[in-house]
Amino acid sequence: MQDLGFSLLELLITVCISAILAAIGIEYWKEQQLQNELASTTKQLAYFIYEVQIKASTKNENYIIHQFTSPWCIAITRDEKPASCSEGVLYFMKPDNSVEISELSNNKDALILGRRNLAQTMSFQLRNKIGTSRVFVSLLGRIRFCAESSYIAGLPPC
């Protein structure tokens, strides 16, 4: 007599193996999502600071970077700290993801000078469950970013 189907045991083994592989794949996918969120937010913040630097140089004006904490955002003004981020000349709002800003170096406001692309030395530290990254601005206005604690695709190690 010919058997035309699979036995129940064969089907159960196939379903169990598929479930195990799916669970591993979902965990890896979640880790990749966190890495992408951290890398993307780090690059967006670096490009935002670069945009502020270009604007300061073009208009030959000095800008002050102010950090707000909950929800975090960064506002750019010409003088004193505004009441909210959206009141600044330019502002960077936290993207809707898991990344938090943990510090602006020295927890003070920082300056970007319009003359010759100079800036006050500063760094921003960004973090989520997967790792930590940092955006640096040097005295000569060079903007760099890197991954501090673990390998994150798209960010060089610090």
Protein backbone atom coordinates (compact mmCIF):
# COMPACT_ATOMS: atom_id res chain seq x y z
CA MET A 1 0.00 0.00 0.00
CA GLN A 2 1.32 3.41 -0.90
CA ASP A 3 1.60 6.25 1.69
CA LEU A 4 0.52 9.56 0.09
CA GLY A 5 1.12 12.03 2.96
CA PHE A 6 3.26 13.01 5.91
CA SER A 7 2.87 11.49 9.33
CA LEU A 8 1.87 13.60 12.33
CA LEU A 9 5.35 13.21 13.82
CA GLU A 10 7.01 14.56 10.65
CA LEU A 11 4.70 17.56 10.61
CA LEU A 12 5.35 18.31 14.32
CA ILE A 13 9.11 18.17 13.83
CA THR A 14 8.88 20.52 10.84
CA VAL A 15 6.69 23.00 12.75
CA CYS A 16 9.05 22.94 15.78
CA ILE A 17 12.14 23.57 13.66
CA SER A 18 10.35 26.41 11.84
CA ALA A 19 9.29 27.98 15.17
CA ILE A 20 12.84 27.86 16.54
CA LEU A 21 14.26 29.45 13.39
CA ALA A 22 11.56 32.14 13.44
CA ALA A 23 12.30 32.99 17.09
CA ILE A 24 16.01 33.38 16.34
CA GLY A 25 15.25 35.48 13.28
CA ILE A 26 12.89 37.82 15.18
CA GLU A 27 15.50 38.47 17.89
CA TYR A 28 18.14 39.24 15.27
CA TRP A 29 15.71 41.52 13.43
CA LYS A 30 14.94 43.47 16.65
CA GLU A 31 18.67 43.91 17.30
CA GLN A 32 19.18 45.16 13.75
CA GLN A 33 16.30 47.64 14.18
CA LEU A 34 17.92 49.09 17.33
CA GLN A 35 21.30 49.36 15.60
CA ASN A 36 19.71 51.13 12.63
CA GLU A 37 17.82 53.55 14.90
CA LEU A 38 21.00 54.50 16.77
CA ALA A 39 23.07 54.91 13.60
CA SER A 40 20.36 56.91 11.86
CA THR A 41 19.76 59.27 14.80
CA THR A 42 23.50 59.80 15.26
CA LYS A 43 23.97 60.72 11.61
CA GLN A 44 20.88 62.97 11.61
CA LEU A 45 22.21 64.88 14.64
CA ALA A 46 25.65 65.25 13.05
CA TYR A 47 24.12 66.55 9.81
CA PHE A 48 21.89 68.93 11.77
CA ILE A 49 24.95 70.41 13.52
CA TYR A 50 26.65 70.65 10.12
CA GLU A 51 23.61 72.55 8.80
CA VAL A 52 23.83 74.96 11.76
CA GLN A 53 27.54 75.42 11.08
CA ILE A 54 26.88 76.24 7.42
CA LYS A 55 24.16 78.73 8.37
CA ALA A 56 26.44 80.39 10.96
CA SER A 57 29.27 80.65 8.45
CA THR A 58 27.03 81.95 5.66
CA LYS A 59 25.42 84.65 7.79
CA ASN A 60 28.55 85.24 9.92
CA GLU A 61 26.48 84.88 13.10
CA ASN A 62 27.15 83.05 16.35
CA TYR A 63 24.65 80.40 17.42
CA ILE A 64 24.12 78.75 20.79
CA ILE A 65 23.10 75.10 21.06
CA HIS A 66 20.60 74.41 23.87
CA GLN A 67 19.62 70.91 24.95
CA PHE A 68 16.17 70.03 26.32
CA THR A 69 15.60 66.73 28.09
CA SER A 70 12.06 65.37 28.01
CA PRO A 71 11.33 64.65 25.22
CA TRP A 72 14.82 65.48 24.17
CA CYS A 73 15.48 68.03 21.49
CA ILE A 74 18.12 70.57 20.56
CA ALA A 75 17.37 74.21 19.83
CA ILE A 76 19.63 76.77 18.17
CA THR A 77 19.34 80.45 19.11
CA ARG A 78 21.38 83.62 18.85
CA ASP A 79 21.08 84.46 22.56
CA GLU A 80 19.29 83.05 25.62
CA LYS A 81 17.64 79.66 26.01
CA PRO A 82 14.07 79.57 24.65
CA ALA A 83 11.11 78.13 26.56
CA SER A 84 10.73 75.28 24.06
CA CYS A 85 12.63 73.76 21.17
CA SER A 86 10.36 75.07 18.45
CA GLU A 87 11.11 78.68 19.46
CA GLY A 88 14.71 78.44 18.29
CA VAL A 89 16.13 79.56 14.95
CA LEU A 90 16.61 75.88 14.10
CA TYR A 91 15.72 72.82 16.13
CA PHE A 92 16.25 69.06 16.10
CA MET A 93 13.44 66.96 17.56
CA LYS A 94 13.95 63.43 18.82
CA PRO A 95 12.88 60.92 16.17
CA ASP A 96 10.19 58.44 17.18
CA ASN A 97 12.52 55.67 18.22
CA SER A 98 14.35 54.22 21.22
CA VAL A 99 17.38 56.54 21.16
CA GLU A 100 17.93 58.83 24.14
CA ILE A 101 20.46 61.61 24.50
CA SER A 102 22.41 61.17 27.69
CA GLU A 103 24.69 64.15 27.76
CA LEU A 104 25.98 67.26 26.13
CA SER A 105 29.60 67.63 27.21
CA ASN A 106 29.83 69.67 30.41
CA ASN A 107 25.98 69.82 30.46
CA LYS A 108 26.16 73.41 29.22
CA ASP A 109 25.11 75.25 26.15
CA ALA A 110 27.62 75.19 23.32
CA LEU A 111 28.62 77.77 20.73
CA ILE A 112 29.01 77.60 16.97
CA LEU A 113 30.83 80.66 15.72
CA GLY A 114 30.16 82.16 12.32
CA ARG A 115 33.73 83.19 11.76
CA ARG A 116 35.86 80.60 9.95
CA ASN A 117 33.65 77.66 10.98
CA LEU A 118 34.92 77.70 14.54
CA ALA A 119 32.99 76.06 17.38
CA GLN A 120 33.22 75.42 21.08
CA THR A 121 34.43 71.86 21.60
CA MET A 122 31.43 69.68 22.43
CA SER A 123 30.11 66.16 22.22
CA PHE A 124 26.70 64.53 22.39
CA GLN A 125 26.24 60.98 23.65
CA LEU A 126 23.33 58.97 22.27
CA ARG A 127 22.27 55.56 23.56
CA ASN A 128 19.70 52.82 23.38
CA LYS A 129 19.55 49.17 24.51
CA ILE A 130 22.01 48.01 21.87
CA GLY A 131 24.83 50.52 22.35
CA THR A 132 26.18 54.03 22.64
CA SER A 133 27.32 56.51 20.02
CA ARG A 134 28.85 59.95 20.17
CA VAL A 135 28.85 63.07 17.98
CA PHE A 136 31.93 65.30 18.38
CA VAL A 137 32.46 68.91 17.30
CA SER A 138 36.07 70.09 17.44
CA LEU A 139 37.39 73.61 17.98
CA LEU A 140 37.95 73.98 14.24
CA GLY A 141 34.36 72.93 13.55
CA ARG A 142 35.06 69.39 12.38
CA ILE A 143 32.04 67.17 13.06
CA ARG A 144 32.58 63.45 13.61
CA PHE A 145 30.51 60.57 14.93
CA CYS A 146 31.37 57.08 16.18
CA ALA A 147 30.06 54.01 18.01
CA GLU A 148 31.39 53.73 21.55
CA SER A 149 30.29 50.48 23.12
CA SER A 150 29.61 47.95 20.37
CA TYR A 151 29.76 47.42 16.63
CA ILE A 152 27.06 49.41 14.88
CA ALA A 153 26.84 49.18 11.10
CA GLY A 154 27.46 52.57 9.48
CA LEU A 155 29.35 54.09 12.43
CA PRO A 156 33.11 53.84 12.84
CA PRO A 157 34.41 52.75 16.26
CA CYS A 158 35.55 55.49 18.65
